[in-house]
C-alpha cells in the first residue's frame, strides 16, 4: 500500500511539474538589509523590556527605538524606490 502511494504521488508531481512548471520565488523586500534587521531587533528587545517592566524610562526607550527603526526602514525603501525610478528613466531615454 505504501509503495503504491509513493508511486502515485511521484507520478502526480512529475506530471504537474511538466504541465504547470515551477515559478521562481519572488523577493518582496529587496531594500531590506542587515541595518534594517538590526534596528528591528533592537526595537523588539526594547518592547519586550517595556512589557516586562512598564516604567517611563522603558516606555521612552521603546518609543525611541521604534522611531529609529521606522526611520531607517523608510529611508532604505525610499532610496530603493528612487534608484528604481532613476534606472527606468535612464533606460527610457537611452532607447
PDB file of N, CA and C in Angstrom:
ATOM      1  N   UNK A   1       0.827  -1.190   0.000  1.00  0.00           N
ATOM      2  CA  UNK A   1       0.000   0.000   0.000  1.00  0.00           C
ATOM      3  C   UNK A   1       0.879   1.265   0.000  1.00  0.00           C
ATOM      4  N   UNK A   2       1.902   1.252   0.844  1.00  0.00           N
ATOM      5  CA  UNK A   2       2.801   2.397   0.941  1.00  0.00           C
ATOM      6  C   UNK A   2       3.551   2.611  -0.372  1.00  0.00           C
ATOM      7  N   UNK A   3       4.002   1.552  -0.982  1.00  0.00           N
ATOM      8  CA  UNK A   3       4.733   1.625  -2.250  1.00  0.00           C
ATOM      9  C   UNK A   3       3.839   2.190  -3.356  1.00  0.00           C
ATOM     10  N   UNK A   4       2.573   1.770  -3.371  1.00  0.00           N
ATOM     11  CA  UNK A   4       1.633   2.267  -4.383  1.00  0.00           C
ATOM     12  C   UNK A   4       1.393   3.762  -4.215  1.00  0.00           C
ATOM     13  N   UNK A   5       1.246   4.197  -2.941  1.00  0.00           N
ATOM     14  CA  UNK A   5       1.027   5.620  -2.683  1.00  0.00           C
ATOM     15  C   UNK A   5       2.217   6.444  -3.164  1.00  0.00           C
ATOM     16  N   UNK A   6       3.439   6.005  -2.870  1.00  0.00           N
ATOM     17  CA  UNK A   6       4.628   6.731  -3.313  1.00  0.00           C
ATOM     18  C   UNK A   6       4.687   6.808  -4.834  1.00  0.00           C
ATOM     19  N   UNK A   7       4.293   5.737  -5.502  1.00  0.00           N
ATOM     20  CA  UNK A   7       4.286   5.692  -6.956  1.00  0.00           C
ATOM     21  C   UNK A   7       3.265   6.690  -7.516  1.00  0.00           C
ATOM     22  N   UNK A   8       2.072   6.714  -6.947  1.00  0.00           N
ATOM     23  CA  UNK A   8       1.025   7.653  -7.393  1.00  0.00           C
ATOM     24  C   UNK A   8       1.464   9.090  -7.137  1.00  0.00           C
ATOM     25  N   UNK A   9       2.010   9.333  -5.953  1.00  0.00           N
ATOM     26  CA  UNK A   9       2.445  10.677  -5.582  1.00  0.00           C
ATOM     27  C   UNK A   9       3.525  11.188  -6.534  1.00  0.00           C
ATOM     28  N   UNK A  10       4.526  10.358  -6.809  1.00  0.00           N
ATOM     29  CA  UNK A  10       5.606  10.795  -7.698  1.00  0.00           C
ATOM     30  C   UNK A  10       5.095  11.032  -9.118  1.00  0.00           C
ATOM     31  N   UNK A  11       4.150  10.216  -9.577  1.00  0.00           N
ATOM     32  CA  UNK A  11       3.571  10.402 -10.905  1.00  0.00           C
ATOM     33  C   UNK A  11       2.825  11.726 -10.993  1.00  0.00           C
ATOM     34  N   UNK A  12       2.039  12.027  -9.983  1.00  0.00           N
ATOM     35  CA  UNK A  12       1.278  13.288  -9.967  1.00  0.00           C
ATOM     36  C   UNK A  12       2.230  14.478  -9.938  1.00  0.00           C
ATOM     37  N   UNK A  13       3.254  14.427  -9.097  1.00  0.00           N
ATOM     38  CA  UNK A  13       4.208  15.535  -9.002  1.00  0.00           C
ATOM     39  C   UNK A  13       4.979  15.748 -10.303  1.00  0.00           C
ATOM     40  N   UNK A  14       5.377  14.679 -10.946  1.00  0.00           N
ATOM     41  CA  UNK A  14       6.084  14.795 -12.223  1.00  0.00           C
ATOM     42  C   UNK A  14       5.185  15.394 -13.295  1.00  0.00           C
ATOM     43  N   UNK A  15       3.943  14.932 -13.356  1.00  0.00           N
ATOM     44  CA  UNK A  15       3.003  15.464 -14.346  1.00  0.00           C
ATOM     45  C   UNK A  15       2.730  16.943 -14.105  1.00  0.00           C
ATOM     46  N   UNK A  16       2.523  17.293 -12.849  1.00  0.00           N
ATOM     47  CA  UNK A  16       2.254  18.695 -12.518  1.00  0.00           C
ATOM     48  C   UNK A  16       3.445  19.572 -12.879  1.00  0.00           C
ATOM     49  N   UNK A  17       4.644  19.095 -12.638  1.00  0.00           N
ATOM     50  CA  UNK A  17       5.837  19.884 -12.957  1.00  0.00           C
ATOM     51  C   UNK A  17       5.995  20.071 -14.462  1.00  0.00           C
ATOM     52  N   UNK A  18       5.657  19.057 -15.237  1.00  0.00           N
ATOM     53  CA  UNK A  18       5.735  19.167 -16.695  1.00  0.00           C
ATOM     54  C   UNK A  18       4.703  20.149 -17.228  1.00  0.00           C
ATOM     55  N   UNK A  19       3.487  20.069 -16.716  1.00  0.00           N
ATOM     56  CA  UNK A  19       2.394  20.873 -17.248  1.00  0.00           C
ATOM     57  C   UNK A  19       2.421  22.297 -16.694  1.00  0.00           C
ATOM     58  N   UNK A  20       2.504  22.427 -15.400  1.00  0.00           N
ATOM     59  CA  UNK A  20       2.393  23.738 -14.762  1.00  0.00           C
ATOM     60  C   UNK A  20       3.727  24.476 -14.743  1.00  0.00           C
ATOM     61  N   UNK A  21       4.812  23.764 -14.604  1.00  0.00           N
ATOM     62  CA  UNK A  21       6.159  24.324 -14.455  1.00  0.00           C
ATOM     63  C   UNK A  21       6.288  24.975 -13.077  1.00  0.00           C
ATOM     64  N   UNK A  22       7.498  25.182 -12.658  1.00  0.00           N
ATOM     65  CA  UNK A  22       7.715  25.822 -11.373  1.00  0.00           C
ATOM     66  C   UNK A  22       8.088  27.280 -11.595  1.00  0.00           C
ATOM     67  N   UNK A  23       7.655  28.117 -10.667  1.00  0.00           N
ATOM     68  CA  UNK A  23       7.976  29.532 -10.745  1.00  0.00           C
ATOM     69  C   UNK A  23       9.088  29.856  -9.769  1.00  0.00           C
ATOM     70  N   UNK A  24       9.873  30.847 -10.132  1.00  0.00           N
ATOM     71  CA  UNK A  24      10.918  31.287  -9.225  1.00  0.00           C
ATOM     72  C   UNK A  24      10.286  32.106  -8.117  1.00  0.00           C
ATOM     73  N   UNK A  25      10.889  32.029  -6.948  1.00  0.00           N
ATOM     74  CA  UNK A  25      10.373  32.744  -5.798  1.00  0.00           C
ATOM     75  C   UNK A  25      10.626  34.236  -5.955  1.00  0.00           C
ATOM     76  N   UNK A  26       9.607  35.024  -5.717  1.00  0.00           N
ATOM     77  CA  UNK A  26       9.708  36.478  -5.838  1.00  0.00           C
ATOM     78  C   UNK A  26      10.177  37.064  -4.510  1.00  0.00           C
ATOM     79  N   UNK A  27      11.210  37.873  -4.581  1.00  0.00           N
ATOM     80  CA  UNK A  27      11.705  38.532  -3.382  1.00  0.00           C
ATOM     81  C   UNK A  27      10.948  39.844  -3.244  1.00  0.00           C
ATOM     82  N   UNK A  28      10.209  39.985  -2.146  1.00  0.00           N
ATOM     83  CA  UNK A  28       9.359  41.144  -1.963  1.00  0.00           C
ATOM     84  C   UNK A  28      10.093  42.390  -1.529  1.00  0.00           C
ATOM     85  N   UNK A  29      10.925  42.272  -0.539  1.00  0.00           N
ATOM     86  CA  UNK A  29      11.588  43.447   0.010  1.00  0.00           C
ATOM     87  C   UNK A  29      13.061  43.441  -0.366  1.00  0.00           C
ATOM     88  N   UNK A  30      13.366  43.943  -1.525  1.00  0.00           N
ATOM     89  CA  UNK A  30      14.750  43.985  -1.978  1.00  0.00           C
ATOM     90  C   UNK A  30      15.549  45.032  -1.214  1.00  0.00           C
ATOM     91  N   UNK A  31      14.865  45.983  -0.633  1.00  0.00           N
ATOM     92  CA  UNK A  31      15.537  47.057   0.094  1.00  0.00           C
ATOM     93  C   UNK A  31      15.931  46.628   1.498  1.00  0.00           C
ATOM     94  N   UNK A  32      15.390  45.530   1.997  1.00  0.00           N
ATOM     95  CA  UNK A  32      15.651  45.052   3.357  1.00  0.00           C
ATOM     96  C   UNK A  32      17.096  44.563   3.455  1.00  0.00           C
ATOM     97  N   UNK A  33      17.835  45.057   4.465  1.00  0.00           N
ATOM     98  CA  UNK A  33      19.214  44.633   4.636  1.00  0.00           C
ATOM     99  C   UNK A  33      19.530  44.445   6.120  1.00  0.00           C
ATOM    100  N   UNK A  34      20.785  44.251   6.432  1.00  0.00           N
ATOM    101  CA  UNK A  34      21.208  43.978   7.805  1.00  0.00           C
ATOM    102  C   UNK A  34      20.931  45.155   8.739  1.00  0.00           C
ATOM    103  N   UNK A  35      21.073  46.367   8.227  1.00  0.00           N
ATOM    104  CA  UNK A  35      20.830  47.551   9.061  1.00  0.00           C
ATOM    105  C   UNK A  35      19.370  47.596   9.517  1.00  0.00           C
ATOM    106  N   UNK A  36      18.452  47.299   8.609  1.00  0.00           N
ATOM    107  CA  UNK A  36      17.029  47.252   8.955  1.00  0.00           C
ATOM    108  C   UNK A  36      16.767  46.133   9.965  1.00  0.00           C
ATOM    109  N   UNK A  37      17.356  44.992   9.711  1.00  0.00           N
ATOM    110  CA  UNK A  37      17.174  43.837  10.586  1.00  0.00           C
ATOM    111  C   UNK A  37      17.659  44.136  12.005  1.00  0.00           C
ATOM    112  N   UNK A  38      18.803  44.801  12.093  1.00  0.00           N
ATOM    113  CA  UNK A  38      19.368  45.146  13.404  1.00  0.00           C
ATOM    114  C   UNK A  38      18.485  46.157  14.139  1.00  0.00           C
ATOM    115  N   UNK A  39      17.983  47.154  13.420  1.00  0.00           N
ATOM    116  CA  UNK A  39      17.126  48.168  14.034  1.00  0.00           C
ATOM    117  C   UNK A  39      15.834  47.545  14.549  1.00  0.00           C
ATOM    118  N   UNK A  40      15.238  46.647  13.782  1.00  0.00           N
ATOM    119  CA  UNK A  40      14.012  45.981  14.207  1.00  0.00           C
ATOM    120  C   UNK A  40      14.282  45.091  15.415  1.00  0.00           C
ATOM    121  N   UNK A  41      15.434  44.448  15.426  1.00  0.00           N
ATOM    122  CA  UNK A  41      15.801  43.594  16.554  1.00  0.00           C
ATOM    123  C   UNK A  41      15.934  44.420  17.837  1.00  0.00           C
ATOM    124  N   UNK A  42      16.595  45.575  17.743  1.00  0.00           N
ATOM    125  CA  UNK A  42      16.728  46.463  18.907  1.00  0.00           C
ATOM    126  C   UNK A  42      15.363  46.937  19.384  1.00  0.00           C
ATOM    127  N   UNK A  43      14.485  47.258  18.449  1.00  0.00           N
ATOM    128  CA  UNK A  43      13.137  47.695  18.799  1.00  0.00           C
ATOM    129  C   UNK A  43      12.392  46.590  19.536  1.00  0.00           C
ATOM    130  N   UNK A  44      12.513  45.356  19.047  1.00  0.00           N
ATOM    131  CA  UNK A  44      11.819  44.234  19.677  1.00  0.00           C
ATOM    132  C   UNK A  44      12.338  43.966  21.087  1.00  0.00           C
ATOM    133  N   UNK A  45      13.637  44.106  21.281  1.00  0.00           N
ATOM    134  CA  UNK A  45      14.217  43.932  22.615  1.00  0.00           C
ATOM    135  C   UNK A  45      13.683  45.003  23.559  1.00  0.00           C
ATOM    136  N   UNK A  46      13.632  46.247  23.086  1.00  0.00           N
ATOM    137  CA  UNK A  46      13.110  47.336  23.906  1.00  0.00           C
ATOM    138  C   UNK A  46      11.628  47.111  24.223  1.00  0.00           C
ATOM    139  N   UNK A  47      10.884  46.566  23.283  1.00  0.00           N
ATOM    140  CA  UNK A  47       9.465  46.297  23.508  1.00  0.00           C
ATOM    141  C   UNK A  47       9.275  45.227  24.586  1.00  0.00           C
ATOM    142  N   UNK A  48      10.064  44.154  24.482  1.00  0.00           N
ATOM    143  CA  UNK A  48       9.974  43.091  25.493  1.00  0.00           C
ATOM    144  C   UNK A  48      10.297  43.626  26.883  1.00  0.00           C
ATOM    145  N   UNK A  49      11.331  44.469  26.954  1.00  0.00           N
ATOM    146  CA  UNK A  49      11.725  45.065  28.223  1.00  0.00           C
ATOM    147  C   UNK A  49      10.600  45.946  28.770  1.00  0.00           C
ATOM    148  N   UNK A  50       9.966  46.685  27.874  1.00  0.00           N
ATOM    149  CA  UNK A  50       8.871  47.573  28.274  1.00  0.00           C
ATOM    150  C   UNK A  50       7.666  46.765  28.761  1.00  0.00           C
ATOM    151  N   UNK A  51       7.389  45.647  28.112  1.00  0.00           N
ATOM    152  CA  UNK A  51       6.250  44.822  28.516  1.00  0.00           C
ATOM    153  C   UNK A  51       6.508  44.124  29.849  1.00  0.00           C
ATOM    154  N   UNK A  52       7.766  43.771  30.118  1.00  0.00           N
ATOM    155  CA  UNK A  52       8.086  43.094  31.369  1.00  0.00           C
ATOM    156  C   UNK A  52       8.010  44.049  32.553  1.00  0.00           C
ATOM    157  N   UNK A  53       8.528  45.244  32.379  1.00  0.00           N
ATOM    158  CA  UNK A  53       8.512  46.227  33.452  1.00  0.00           C
ATOM    159  C   UNK A  53       8.165  47.575  32.850  1.00  0.00           C
ATOM    160  N   UNK A  54       6.927  47.972  33.030  1.00  0.00           N
ATOM    161  CA  UNK A  54       6.429  49.186  32.391  1.00  0.00           C
ATOM    162  C   UNK A  54       6.759  50.412  33.236  1.00  0.00           C
ATOM    163  N   UNK A  55       7.881  51.038  32.891  1.00  0.00           N
ATOM    164  CA  UNK A  55       8.261  52.293  33.531  1.00  0.00           C
ATOM    165  C   UNK A  55       8.338  53.364  32.450  1.00  0.00           C
ATOM    166  N   UNK A  56       8.413  54.596  32.884  1.00  0.00           N
ATOM    167  CA  UNK A  56       8.511  55.689  31.910  1.00  0.00           C
ATOM    168  C   UNK A  56       9.795  55.583  31.094  1.00  0.00           C
ATOM    169  N   UNK A  57      10.874  55.202  31.746  1.00  0.00           N
ATOM    170  CA  UNK A  57      12.163  55.084  31.055  1.00  0.00           C
ATOM    171  C   UNK A  57      12.104  53.980  29.997  1.00  0.00           C
ATOM    172  N   UNK A  58      11.546  52.825  30.349  1.00  0.00           N
ATOM    173  CA  UNK A  58      11.426  51.732  29.387  1.00  0.00           C
ATOM    174  C   UNK A  58      10.504  52.107  28.231  1.00  0.00           C
ATOM    175  N   UNK A  59       9.412  52.794  28.554  1.00  0.00           N
ATOM    176  CA  UNK A  59       8.479  53.237  27.515  1.00  0.00           C
ATOM    177  C   UNK A  59       9.155  54.212  26.566  1.00  0.00           C
ATOM    178  N   UNK A  60       9.951  55.112  27.109  1.00  0.00           N
ATOM    179  CA  UNK A  60      10.664  56.102  26.286  1.00  0.00           C
ATOM    180  C   UNK A  60      11.722  55.421  25.409  1.00  0.00           C
ATOM    181  N   UNK A  61      12.438  54.436  25.968  1.00  0.00           N
ATOM    182  CA  UNK A  61      13.429  53.707  25.181  1.00  0.00           C
ATOM    183  C   UNK A  61      12.760  52.969  24.028  1.00  0.00           C
ATOM    184  N   UNK A  62      11.609  52.361  24.300  1.00  0.00           N
ATOM    185  CA  UNK A  62      10.880  51.645  23.249  1.00  0.00           C
ATOM    186  C   UNK A  62      10.407  52.617  22.169  1.00  0.00           C
ATOM    187  N   UNK A  63       9.882  53.757  22.581  1.00  0.00           N
ATOM    188  CA  UNK A  63       9.405  54.752  21.618  1.00  0.00           C
ATOM    189  C   UNK A  63      10.551  55.227  20.727  1.00  0.00           C
ATOM    190  N   UNK A  64      11.701  55.490  21.326  1.00  0.00           N
ATOM    191  CA  UNK A  64      12.862  55.937  20.558  1.00  0.00           C
ATOM    192  C   UNK A  64      13.346  54.848  19.598  1.00  0.00           C
ATOM    193  N   UNK A  65      13.380  53.618  20.082  1.00  0.00           N
ATOM    194  CA  UNK A  65      13.834  52.507  19.236  1.00  0.00           C
ATOM    195  C   UNK A  65      12.865  52.299  18.073  1.00  0.00           C
ATOM    196  N   UNK A  66      11.568  52.442  18.332  1.00  0.00           N
ATOM    197  CA  UNK A  66      10.570  52.295  17.271  1.00  0.00           C
ATOM    198  C   UNK A  66      10.712  53.391  16.225  1.00  0.00           C
ATOM    199  N   UNK A  67      10.902  54.620  16.685  1.00  0.00           N
ATOM    200  CA  UNK A  67      11.082  55.735  15.752  1.00  0.00           C
ATOM    201  C   UNK A  67      12.324  55.535  14.895  1.00  0.00           C
ATOM    202  N   UNK A  68      13.406  55.092  15.519  1.00  0.00           N
ATOM    203  CA  UNK A  68      14.662  54.878  14.801  1.00  0.00           C
ATOM    204  C   UNK A  68      14.516  53.763  13.761  1.00  0.00           C
ATOM    205  N   UNK A  69      13.867  52.672  14.157  1.00  0.00           N
ATOM    206  CA  UNK A  69      13.673  51.554  13.227  1.00  0.00           C
ATOM    207  C   UNK A  69      12.809  51.986  12.046  1.00  0.00           C
ATOM    208  N   UNK A  70      11.733  52.706  12.323  1.00  0.00           N
ATOM    209  CA  UNK A  70      10.864  53.182  11.246  1.00  0.00           C
ATOM    210  C   UNK A  70      11.610  54.129  10.312  1.00  0.00           C
ATOM    211  N   UNK A  71      12.439  54.998  10.891  1.00  0.00           N
ATOM    212  CA  UNK A  71      13.194  55.960  10.091  1.00  0.00           C
ATOM    213  C   UNK A  71      14.173  55.237   9.158  1.00  0.00           C
ATOM    214  N   UNK A  72      14.903  54.274   9.700  1.00  0.00           N
ATOM    215  CA  UNK A  72      15.883  53.534   8.901  1.00  0.00           C
ATOM    216  C   UNK A  72      15.192  52.777   7.771  1.00  0.00           C
ATOM    217  N   UNK A  73      14.132  52.058   8.098  1.00  0.00           N
ATOM    218  CA  UNK A  73      13.441  51.264   7.075  1.00  0.00           C
ATOM    219  C   UNK A  73      12.797  52.152   6.014  1.00  0.00           C
ATOM    220  N   UNK A  74      12.226  53.269   6.437  1.00  0.00           N
ATOM    221  CA  UNK A  74      11.624  54.204   5.478  1.00  0.00           C
ATOM    222  C   UNK A  74      12.662  54.738   4.508  1.00  0.00           C
ATOM    223  N   UNK A  75      13.820  55.137   5.047  1.00  0.00           N
ATOM    224  CA  UNK A  75      14.883  55.682   4.206  1.00  0.00           C
ATOM    225  C   UNK A  75      15.401  54.647   3.207  1.00  0.00           C
ATOM    226  N   UNK A  76      15.595  53.414   3.666  1.00  0.00           N
ATOM    227  CA  UNK A  76      16.081  52.352   2.775  1.00  0.00           C
ATOM    228  C   UNK A  76      15.090  52.119   1.638  1.00  0.00           C
ATOM    229  N   UNK A  77      13.809  52.063   1.982  1.00  0.00           N
ATOM    230  CA  UNK A  77      12.788  51.822   0.966  1.00  0.00           C
ATOM    231  C   UNK A  77      12.707  52.998  -0.004  1.00  0.00           C
ATOM    232  N   UNK A  78      12.807  54.202   0.521  1.00  0.00           N
ATOM    233  CA  UNK A  78      12.751  55.399  -0.312  1.00  0.00           C
ATOM    234  C   UNK A  78      13.924  55.433  -1.290  1.00  0.00           C
ATOM    235  N   UNK A  79      15.125  55.123  -0.794  1.00  0.00           N
ATOM    236  CA  UNK A  79      16.304  55.090  -1.669  1.00  0.00           C
ATOM    237  C   UNK A  79      16.147  54.030  -2.746  1.00  0.00           C
ATOM    238  N   UNK A  80      15.639  52.859  -2.362  1.00  0.00           N
ATOM    239  CA  UNK A  80      15.449  51.766  -3.316  1.00  0.00           C
ATOM    240  C   UNK A  80      14.455  52.165  -4.406  1.00  0.00           C
ATOM    241  N   UNK A  81      13.342  52.796  -4.003  1.00  0.00           N
ATOM    242  CA  UNK A  81      12.344  53.234  -4.983  1.00  0.00           C
ATOM    243  C   UNK A  81      12.911  54.304  -5.910  1.00  0.00           C
ATOM    244  N   UNK A  82      13.638  55.261  -5.349  1.00  0.00           N
ATOM    245  CA  UNK A  82      14.226  56.322  -6.168  1.00  0.00           C
ATOM    246  C   UNK A  82      15.247  55.760  -7.155  1.00  0.00           C
ATOM    247  N   UNK A  83      16.043  54.816  -6.716  1.00  0.00           N
ATOM    248  CA  UNK A  83      17.014  54.192  -7.625  1.00  0.00           C
ATOM    249  C   UNK A  83      16.296  53.455  -8.750  1.00  0.00           C
ATOM    250  N   UNK A  84      15.204  52.792  -8.427  1.00  0.00           N
ATOM    251  CA  UNK A  84      14.425  52.093  -9.449  1.00  0.00           C
ATOM    252  C   UNK A  84      13.828  53.053 -10.457  1.00  0.00           C
ATOM    253  N   UNK A  85      13.341  54.181  -9.973  1.00  0.00           N
ATOM    254  CA  UNK A  85      12.757  55.187 -10.861  1.00  0.00           C
ATOM    255  C   UNK A  85      13.838  55.783 -11.769  1.00  0.00           C
ATOM    256  N   UNK A  86      14.988  56.066 -11.187  1.00  0.00           N
ATOM    257  CA  UNK A  86      16.085  56.642 -11.983  1.00  0.00           C
ATOM    258  C   UNK A  86      16.549  55.672 -13.062  1.00  0.00           C
ATOM    259  N   UNK A  87      16.659  54.399 -12.734  1.00  0.00           N
ATOM    260  CA  UNK A  87      17.102  53.433 -13.750  1.00  0.00           C
ATOM    261  C   UNK A  87      16.063  53.278 -14.840  1.00  0.00           C
ATOM    262  N   UNK A  88      14.789  53.317 -14.492  1.00  0.00           N
ATOM    263  CA  UNK A  88      13.741  53.235 -15.516  1.00  0.00           C
ATOM    264  C   UNK A  88      13.755  54.457 -16.431  1.00  0.00           C
ATOM    265  N   UNK A  89      14.016  55.626 -15.862  1.00  0.00           N
ATOM    266  CA  UNK A  89      14.103  56.831 -16.676  1.00  0.00           C
ATOM    267  C   UNK A  89      15.270  56.745 -17.651  1.00  0.00           C
ATOM    268  N   UNK A  90      16.409  56.303 -17.144  1.00  0.00           N
ATOM    269  CA  UNK A  90      17.597  56.205 -17.995  1.00  0.00           C
ATOM    270  C   UNK A  90      17.357  55.237 -19.136  1.00  0.00           C
ATOM    271  N   UNK A  91      16.740  54.099 -18.840  1.00  0.00           N
ATOM    272  CA  UNK A  91      16.519  53.115 -19.892  1.00  0.00           C
ATOM    273  C   UNK A  91      15.497  53.638 -20.910  1.00  0.00           C
ATOM    274  N   UNK A  92      14.570  54.471 -20.474  1.00  0.00           N
ATOM    275  CA  UNK A  92      13.594  55.034 -21.408  1.00  0.00           C
ATOM    276  C   UNK A  92      14.256  56.055 -22.319  1.00  0.00           C
ATOM    277  N   UNK A  93      15.163  56.891 -21.755  1.00  0.00           N
ATOM    278  CA  UNK A  93      15.829  57.907 -22.568  1.00  0.00           C
ATOM    279  C   UNK A  93      16.886  57.320 -23.513  1.00  0.00           C
ATOM    280  N   UNK A  94      17.471  56.217 -23.144  1.00  0.00           N
ATOM    281  CA  UNK A  94      18.524  55.654 -23.973  1.00  0.00           C
ATOM    282  C   UNK A  94      17.979  54.851 -25.149  1.00  0.00           C
ATOM    283  N   UNK A  95      16.715  54.551 -25.165  1.00  0.00           N
ATOM    284  CA  UNK A  95      16.146  53.751 -26.252  1.00  0.00           C
ATOM    285  C   UNK A  95      15.957  54.519 -27.504  1.00  0.00           C
TER     286      UNK A  95
END
